[in-house]
Amino acid sequence: MTFRALIFAPLTRGVLPLYHIAGIILVTALIAVYYRYIDRKNKYWLYLFPWSILNLFILSFVIVWAAIKIQDRGWGTR
C-alpha cells in the first residue's frame, strides 16, 4: 500500500500522496492523544510523529527489500 501510494500513483497518475501521508499523521495524532490521556507525565509522546514519518518513508521499504532477499543467506543472520 505504501509503495502504491508513494511511488506508483505519483509516477503513473501524477497524484500526490497527500491523503496517505495525512492519514498516517492523523492516526499518529490519535495514538498520541490516547497515550497522553493515559499517562500525563509521559514526555515522549511527541516522538511518535517523527517515528511515523520514518516508518512511512524508510522502514516500510526495508520490509519489501527483506522479502525480496529472503533466500539470500549472505546477510549474516545465521
PDB file of N, CA and C in Angstrom:
ATOM      1  N   MET A   1       0.828  -1.177   0.000  1.00  0.00           N
ATOM      2  CA  MET A   1       0.000   0.000   0.000  1.00  0.00           C
ATOM      3  C   MET A   1       0.878   1.249   0.000  1.00  0.00           C
ATOM      4  N   THR A   2       1.942   1.221   0.781  1.00  0.00           N
ATOM      5  CA  THR A   2       2.831   2.376   0.820  1.00  0.00           C
ATOM      6  C   THR A   2       3.526   2.578  -0.522  1.00  0.00           C
ATOM      7  N   PHE A   3       3.977   1.488  -1.129  1.00  0.00           N
ATOM      8  CA  PHE A   3       4.607   1.590  -2.446  1.00  0.00           C
ATOM      9  C   PHE A   3       3.639   2.183  -3.465  1.00  0.00           C
ATOM     10  N   ARG A   4       2.417   1.718  -3.425  1.00  0.00           N
ATOM     11  CA  ARG A   4       1.414   2.225  -4.368  1.00  0.00           C
ATOM     12  C   ARG A   4       1.133   3.702  -4.136  1.00  0.00           C
ATOM     13  N   ALA A   5       1.023   4.106  -2.886  1.00  0.00           N
ATOM     14  CA  ALA A   5       0.675   5.499  -2.583  1.00  0.00           C
ATOM     15  C   ALA A   5       1.840   6.453  -2.805  1.00  0.00           C
ATOM     16  N   LEU A   6       3.051   6.027  -2.478  1.00  0.00           N
ATOM     17  CA  LEU A   6       4.191   6.942  -2.542  1.00  0.00           C
ATOM     18  C   LEU A   6       4.957   6.910  -3.863  1.00  0.00           C
ATOM     19  N   ILE A   7       4.907   5.794  -4.570  1.00  0.00           N
ATOM     20  CA  ILE A   7       5.719   5.687  -5.785  1.00  0.00           C
ATOM     21  C   ILE A   7       4.866   5.444  -7.032  1.00  0.00           C
ATOM     22  N   PHE A   8       4.036   4.409  -7.000  1.00  0.00           N
ATOM     23  CA  PHE A   8       3.299   4.016  -8.198  1.00  0.00           C
ATOM     24  C   PHE A   8       2.297   5.078  -8.650  1.00  0.00           C
ATOM     25  N   ALA A   9       1.444   5.549  -7.747  1.00  0.00           N
ATOM     26  CA  ALA A   9       0.419   6.534  -8.119  1.00  0.00           C
ATOM     27  C   ALA A   9       1.021   7.864  -8.587  1.00  0.00           C
ATOM     28  N   PRO A  10       2.043   8.404  -7.917  1.00  0.00           N
ATOM     29  CA  PRO A  10       2.614   9.652  -8.441  1.00  0.00           C
ATOM     30  C   PRO A  10       3.264   9.498  -9.815  1.00  0.00           C
ATOM     31  N   LEU A  11       3.877   8.343 -10.069  1.00  0.00           N
ATOM     32  CA  LEU A  11       4.536   8.156 -11.361  1.00  0.00           C
ATOM     33  C   LEU A  11       3.549   7.872 -12.491  1.00  0.00           C
ATOM     34  N   THR A  12       2.509   7.114 -12.208  1.00  0.00           N
ATOM     35  CA  THR A  12       1.599   6.730 -13.290  1.00  0.00           C
ATOM     36  C   THR A  12       0.437   7.694 -13.472  1.00  0.00           C
ATOM     37  N   ARG A  13      -0.076   8.238 -12.387  1.00  0.00           N
ATOM     38  CA  ARG A  13      -1.254   9.108 -12.488  1.00  0.00           C
ATOM     39  C   ARG A  13      -0.962  10.561 -12.152  1.00  0.00           C
ATOM     40  N   GLY A  14       0.205  10.859 -11.646  1.00  0.00           N
ATOM     41  CA  GLY A  14       0.535  12.219 -11.278  1.00  0.00           C
ATOM     42  C   GLY A  14      -0.182  12.698 -10.022  1.00  0.00           C
ATOM     43  N   VAL A  15      -0.572  11.757  -9.175  1.00  0.00           N
ATOM     44  CA  VAL A  15      -1.312  12.073  -7.962  1.00  0.00           C
ATOM     45  C   VAL A  15      -0.335  12.154  -6.791  1.00  0.00           C
ATOM     46  N   LEU A  16      -0.382  13.250  -6.058  1.00  0.00           N
ATOM     47  CA  LEU A  16       0.467  13.369  -4.883  1.00  0.00           C
ATOM     48  C   LEU A  16      -0.107  12.549  -3.730  1.00  0.00           C
ATOM     49  N   PRO A  17       0.740  11.953  -2.912  1.00  0.00           N
ATOM     50  CA  PRO A  17       0.258  11.088  -1.829  1.00  0.00           C
ATOM     51  C   PRO A  17      -0.145  11.856  -0.572  1.00  0.00           C
ATOM     52  N   LEU A  18      -0.781  12.998  -0.740  1.00  0.00           N
ATOM     53  CA  LEU A  18      -1.129  13.829   0.413  1.00  0.00           C
ATOM     54  C   LEU A  18      -2.137  13.156   1.341  1.00  0.00           C
ATOM     55  N   TYR A  19      -3.123  12.469   0.785  1.00  0.00           N
ATOM     56  CA  TYR A  19      -4.117  11.804   1.628  1.00  0.00           C
ATOM     57  C   TYR A  19      -3.493  10.665   2.427  1.00  0.00           C
ATOM     58  N   HIS A  20      -2.597   9.952   1.811  1.00  0.00           N
ATOM     59  CA  HIS A  20      -1.920   8.850   2.511  1.00  0.00           C
ATOM     60  C   HIS A  20      -1.086   9.380   3.674  1.00  0.00           C
ATOM     61  N   ILE A  21      -0.297  10.398   3.423  1.00  0.00           N
ATOM     62  CA  ILE A  21       0.546  10.984   4.466  1.00  0.00           C
ATOM     63  C   ILE A  21      -0.316  11.633   5.545  1.00  0.00           C
ATOM     64  N   ALA A  22      -1.375  12.320   5.144  1.00  0.00           N
ATOM     65  CA  ALA A  22      -2.275  12.934   6.127  1.00  0.00           C
ATOM     66  C   ALA A  22      -2.957  11.875   6.981  1.00  0.00           C
ATOM     67  N   GLY A  23      -3.302  10.739   6.392  1.00  0.00           N
ATOM     68  CA  GLY A  23      -3.893   9.643   7.151  1.00  0.00           C
ATOM     69  C   GLY A  23      -2.935   9.077   8.175  1.00  0.00           C
ATOM     70  N   ILE A  24      -1.682   8.933   7.796  1.00  0.00           N
ATOM     71  CA  ILE A  24      -0.660   8.443   8.727  1.00  0.00           C
ATOM     72  C   ILE A  24      -0.495   9.424   9.887  1.00  0.00           C
ATOM     73  N   ILE A  25      -0.440  10.709   9.586  1.00  0.00           N
ATOM     74  CA  ILE A  25      -0.299  11.727  10.633  1.00  0.00           C
ATOM     75  C   ILE A  25      -1.536  11.751  11.531  1.00  0.00           C
ATOM     76  N   LEU A  26      -2.720  11.597  10.957  1.00  0.00           N
ATOM     77  CA  LEU A  26      -3.951  11.589  11.753  1.00  0.00           C
ATOM     78  C   LEU A  26      -3.999  10.390  12.707  1.00  0.00           C
ATOM     79  N   VAL A  27      -3.657   9.223  12.220  1.00  0.00           N
ATOM     80  CA  VAL A  27      -3.636   8.039  13.087  1.00  0.00           C
ATOM     81  C   VAL A  27      -2.586   8.206  14.175  1.00  0.00           C
ATOM     82  N   THR A  28      -1.439   8.760  13.837  1.00  0.00           N
ATOM     83  CA  THR A  28      -0.405   9.020  14.837  1.00  0.00           C
ATOM     84  C   THR A  28      -0.900  10.012  15.879  1.00  0.00           C
ATOM     85  N   ALA A  29      -1.628  11.033  15.443  1.00  0.00           N
ATOM     86  CA  ALA A  29      -2.174  12.007  16.388  1.00  0.00           C
ATOM     87  C   ALA A  29      -3.182  11.360  17.333  1.00  0.00           C
ATOM     88  N   LEU A  30      -4.001  10.461  16.820  1.00  0.00           N
ATOM     89  CA  LEU A  30      -4.954   9.753  17.675  1.00  0.00           C
ATOM     90  C   LEU A  30      -4.236   8.885  18.714  1.00  0.00           C
ATOM     91  N   ILE A  31      -3.201   8.200  18.290  1.00  0.00           N
ATOM     92  CA  ILE A  31      -2.421   7.382  19.216  1.00  0.00           C
ATOM     93  C   ILE A  31      -1.731   8.263  20.255  1.00  0.00           C
ATOM     94  N   ALA A  32      -1.191   9.397  19.823  1.00  0.00           N
ATOM     95  CA  ALA A  32      -0.521  10.308  20.751  1.00  0.00           C
ATOM     96  C   ALA A  32      -1.498  10.873  21.775  1.00  0.00           C
ATOM     97  N   VAL A  33      -2.699  11.226  21.333  1.00  0.00           N
ATOM     98  CA  VAL A  33      -3.715  11.733  22.270  1.00  0.00           C
ATOM     99  C   VAL A  33      -4.095  10.653  23.268  1.00  0.00           C
ATOM    100  N   TYR A  34      -4.235   9.428  22.801  1.00  0.00           N
ATOM    101  CA  TYR A  34      -4.573   8.326  23.697  1.00  0.00           C
ATOM    102  C   TYR A  34      -3.489   8.130  24.759  1.00  0.00           C
ATOM    103  N   TYR A  35      -2.228   8.054  24.343  1.00  0.00           N
ATOM    104  CA  TYR A  35      -1.149   7.847  25.308  1.00  0.00           C
ATOM    105  C   TYR A  35      -0.955   9.058  26.214  1.00  0.00           C
ATOM    106  N   ARG A  36      -1.227  10.221  25.713  1.00  0.00           N
ATOM    107  CA  ARG A  36      -1.156  11.434  26.544  1.00  0.00           C
ATOM    108  C   ARG A  36      -2.267  11.422  27.592  1.00  0.00           C
ATOM    109  N   TYR A  37      -3.421  10.898  27.231  1.00  0.00           N
ATOM    110  CA  TYR A  37      -4.540  10.788  28.165  1.00  0.00           C
ATOM    111  C   TYR A  37      -4.259   9.741  29.249  1.00  0.00           C
ATOM    112  N   ILE A  38      -3.657   8.636  28.850  1.00  0.00           N
ATOM    113  CA  ILE A  38      -3.361   7.545  29.788  1.00  0.00           C
ATOM    114  C   ILE A  38      -2.302   7.970  30.805  1.00  0.00           C
ATOM    115  N   ASP A  39      -1.237   8.583  30.345  1.00  0.00           N
ATOM    116  CA  ASP A  39      -0.135   8.967  31.234  1.00  0.00           C
ATOM    117  C   ASP A  39       0.245  10.418  30.948  1.00  0.00           C
ATOM    118  N   ARG A  40      -0.208  11.311  31.766  1.00  0.00           N
ATOM    119  CA  ARG A  40       0.041  12.749  31.555  1.00  0.00           C
ATOM    120  C   ARG A  40       1.518  13.117  31.739  1.00  0.00           C
ATOM    121  N   LYS A  41       2.252  12.330  32.494  1.00  0.00           N
ATOM    122  CA  LYS A  41       3.659  12.641  32.747  1.00  0.00           C
ATOM    123  C   LYS A  41       4.584  12.161  31.634  1.00  0.00           C
ATOM    124  N   ASN A  42       4.049  11.398  30.706  1.00  0.00           N
ATOM    125  CA  ASN A  42       4.870  10.878  29.627  1.00  0.00           C
ATOM    126  C   ASN A  42       5.276  12.023  28.693  1.00  0.00           C
ATOM    127  N   LYS A  43       6.572  12.260  28.598  1.00  0.00           N
ATOM    128  CA  LYS A  43       7.062  13.359  27.765  1.00  0.00           C
ATOM    129  C   LYS A  43       7.565  12.888  26.404  1.00  0.00           C
ATOM    130  N   TYR A  44       7.442  11.601  26.135  1.00  0.00           N
ATOM    131  CA  TYR A  44       7.963  11.046  24.893  1.00  0.00           C
ATOM    132  C   TYR A  44       6.909  10.880  23.805  1.00  0.00           C
ATOM    133  N   TRP A  45       5.692  11.324  24.044  1.00  0.00           N
ATOM    134  CA  TRP A  45       4.628  11.143  23.064  1.00  0.00           C
ATOM    135  C   TRP A  45       4.883  11.918  21.781  1.00  0.00           C
ATOM    136  N   LEU A  46       5.645  12.988  21.859  1.00  0.00           N
ATOM    137  CA  LEU A  46       5.949  13.776  20.657  1.00  0.00           C
ATOM    138  C   LEU A  46       6.835  13.033  19.666  1.00  0.00           C
ATOM    139  N   TYR A  47       7.578  12.041  20.149  1.00  0.00           N
ATOM    140  CA  TYR A  47       8.444  11.267  19.267  1.00  0.00           C
ATOM    141  C   TYR A  47       7.666  10.329  18.349  1.00  0.00           C
ATOM    142  N   LEU A  48       6.376  10.178  18.593  1.00  0.00           N
ATOM    143  CA  LEU A  48       5.566   9.342  17.711  1.00  0.00           C
ATOM    144  C   LEU A  48       5.498   9.911  16.293  1.00  0.00           C
ATOM    145  N   PHE A  49       5.507  11.217  16.155  1.00  0.00           N
ATOM    146  CA  PHE A  49       5.376  11.833  14.829  1.00  0.00           C
ATOM    147  C   PHE A  49       6.610  11.612  13.954  1.00  0.00           C
ATOM    148  N   PRO A  50       7.833  11.877  14.443  1.00  0.00           N
ATOM    149  CA  PRO A  50       8.992  11.547  13.588  1.00  0.00           C
ATOM    150  C   PRO A  50       9.110  10.053  13.319  1.00  0.00           C
ATOM    151  N   TRP A  51       8.715   9.225  14.300  1.00  0.00           N
ATOM    152  CA  TRP A  51       8.788   7.784  14.102  1.00  0.00           C
ATOM    153  C   TRP A  51       7.824   7.339  12.999  1.00  0.00           C
ATOM    154  N   SER A  52       6.637   7.900  12.964  1.00  0.00           N
ATOM    155  CA  SER A  52       5.679   7.505  11.933  1.00  0.00           C
ATOM    156  C   SER A  52       6.161   7.916  10.542  1.00  0.00           C
ATOM    157  N   ILE A  53       6.770   9.083  10.432  1.00  0.00           N
ATOM    158  CA  ILE A  53       7.306   9.524   9.136  1.00  0.00           C
ATOM    159  C   ILE A  53       8.497   8.654   8.722  1.00  0.00           C
ATOM    160  N   LEU A  54       9.375   8.335   9.673  1.00  0.00           N
ATOM    161  CA  LEU A  54      10.496   7.441   9.394  1.00  0.00           C
ATOM    162  C   LEU A  54       9.986   6.076   8.953  1.00  0.00           C
ATOM    163  N   ASN A  55       9.001   5.580   9.641  1.00  0.00           N
ATOM    164  CA  ASN A  55       8.430   4.289   9.290  1.00  0.00           C
ATOM    165  C   ASN A  55       7.787   4.323   7.912  1.00  0.00           C
ATOM    166  N   LEU A  56       7.112   5.403   7.594  1.00  0.00           N
ATOM    167  CA  LEU A  56       6.433   5.529   6.304  1.00  0.00           C
ATOM    168  C   LEU A  56       7.420   5.554   5.144  1.00  0.00           C
ATOM    169  N   PHE A  57       8.467   6.346   5.245  1.00  0.00           N
ATOM    170  CA  PHE A  57       9.363   6.556   4.107  1.00  0.00           C
ATOM    171  C   PHE A  57      10.554   5.615   4.044  1.00  0.00           C
ATOM    172  N   ILE A  58      10.957   5.027   5.154  1.00  0.00           N
ATOM    173  CA  ILE A  58      12.161   4.192   5.142  1.00  0.00           C
ATOM    174  C   ILE A  58      11.879   2.755   5.538  1.00  0.00           C
ATOM    175  N   LEU A  59      11.322   2.543   6.707  1.00  0.00           N
ATOM    176  CA  LEU A  59      11.197   1.195   7.232  1.00  0.00           C
ATOM    177  C   LEU A  59      10.199   0.333   6.465  1.00  0.00           C
ATOM    178  N   SER A  60       9.180   0.920   5.886  1.00  0.00           N
ATOM    179  CA  SER A  60       8.227   0.118   5.116  1.00  0.00           C
ATOM    180  C   SER A  60       8.879  -0.450   3.858  1.00  0.00           C
ATOM    181  N   PHE A  61       9.842   0.253   3.292  1.00  0.00           N
ATOM    182  CA  PHE A  61      10.536  -0.256   2.117  1.00  0.00           C
ATOM    183  C   PHE A  61      11.608  -1.274   2.489  1.00  0.00           C
ATOM    184  N   VAL A  62      12.107  -1.223   3.705  1.00  0.00           N
ATOM    185  CA  VAL A  62      13.069  -2.225   4.170  1.00  0.00           C
ATOM    186  C   VAL A  62      12.387  -3.587   4.266  1.00  0.00           C
ATOM    187  N   ILE A  63      11.128  -3.611   4.639  1.00  0.00           N
ATOM    188  CA  ILE A  63      10.384  -4.861   4.705  1.00  0.00           C
ATOM    189  C   ILE A  63      10.257  -5.481   3.316  1.00  0.00           C
ATOM    190  N   VAL A  64      10.010  -4.663   2.318  1.00  0.00           N
ATOM    191  CA  VAL A  64       9.925  -5.160   0.939  1.00  0.00           C
ATOM    192  C   VAL A  64      11.279  -5.712   0.499  1.00  0.00           C
ATOM    193  N   TRP A  65      12.342  -5.021   0.805  1.00  0.00           N
ATOM    194  CA  TRP A  65      13.690  -5.483   0.444  1.00  0.00           C
ATOM    195  C   TRP A  65      14.010  -6.799   1.143  1.00  0.00           C
ATOM    196  N   ALA A  66      13.628  -6.926   2.404  1.00  0.00           N
ATOM    197  CA  ALA A  66      13.864  -8.163   3.133  1.00  0.00           C
ATOM    198  C   ALA A  66      13.063  -9.314   2.521  1.00  0.00           C
ATOM    199  N   ALA A  67      11.847  -9.049   2.069  1.00  0.00           N
ATOM    200  CA  ALA A  67      11.044 -10.099   1.435  1.00  0.00           C
ATOM    201  C   ALA A  67      11.650 -10.531   0.104  1.00  0.00           C
ATOM    202  N   ILE A  68      12.232  -9.591  -0.626  1.00  0.00           N
ATOM    203  CA  ILE A  68      12.879  -9.930  -1.891  1.00  0.00           C
ATOM    204  C   ILE A  68      14.125 -10.773  -1.648  1.00  0.00           C
ATOM    205  N   LYS A  69      14.877 -10.448  -0.631  1.00  0.00           N
ATOM    206  CA  LYS A  69      16.149 -11.114  -0.354  1.00  0.00           C
ATOM    207  C   LYS A  69      16.026 -12.220   0.704  1.00  0.00           C
ATOM    208  N   ILE A  70      14.853 -12.791   0.888  1.00  0.00           N
ATOM    209  CA  ILE A  70      14.652 -13.755   1.962  1.00  0.00           C
ATOM    210  C   ILE A  70      15.479 -15.031   1.766  1.00  0.00           C
ATOM    211  N   GLN A  71      15.741 -15.406   0.534  1.00  0.00           N
ATOM    212  CA  GLN A  71      16.531 -16.612   0.279  1.00  0.00           C
ATOM    213  C   GLN A  71      18.031 -16.357   0.315  1.00  0.00           C
ATOM    214  N   ASP A  72      18.431 -15.110   0.366  1.00  0.00           N
ATOM    215  CA  ASP A  72      19.846 -14.764   0.409  1.00  0.00           C
ATOM    216  C   ASP A  72      20.407 -15.056   1.788  1.00  0.00           C
ATOM    217  N   ARG A  73      21.366 -15.927   1.869  1.00  0.00           N
ATOM    218  CA  ARG A  73      21.961 -16.299   3.157  1.00  0.00           C
ATOM    219  C   ARG A  73      23.173 -15.434   3.509  1.00  0.00           C
ATOM    220  N   GLY A  74      23.461 -14.428   2.717  1.00  0.00           N
ATOM    221  CA  GLY A  74      24.643 -13.619   2.906  1.00  0.00           C
ATOM    222  C   GLY A  74      24.475 -12.449   3.862  1.00  0.00           C
ATOM    223  N   TRP A  75      23.325 -12.323   4.494  1.00  0.00           N
ATOM    224  CA  TRP A  75      23.098 -11.203   5.396  1.00  0.00           C
ATOM    225  C   TRP A  75      23.809 -11.385   6.730  1.00  0.00           C
ATOM    226  N   GLY A  76      24.265 -12.572   7.008  1.00  0.00           N
ATOM    227  CA  GLY A  76      24.942 -12.820   8.276  1.00  0.00           C
ATOM    228  C   GLY A  76      23.994 -12.943   9.446  1.00  0.00           C
ATOM    229  N   THR A  77      22.787 -13.395   9.182  1.00  0.00           N
ATOM    230  CA  THR A  77      21.818 -13.506  10.258  1.00  0.00           C
ATOM    231  C   THR A  77      21.817 -14.875  10.904  1.00  0.00           C
ATOM    232  N   ARG A  78      22.589 -15.776  10.394  1.00  0.00           N
ATOM    233  CA  ARG A  78      22.618 -17.123  10.960  1.00  0.00           C
ATOM    234  C   ARG A  78      23.955 -17.448  11.524  1.00  0.00           C
TER     235      ARG A  78
END
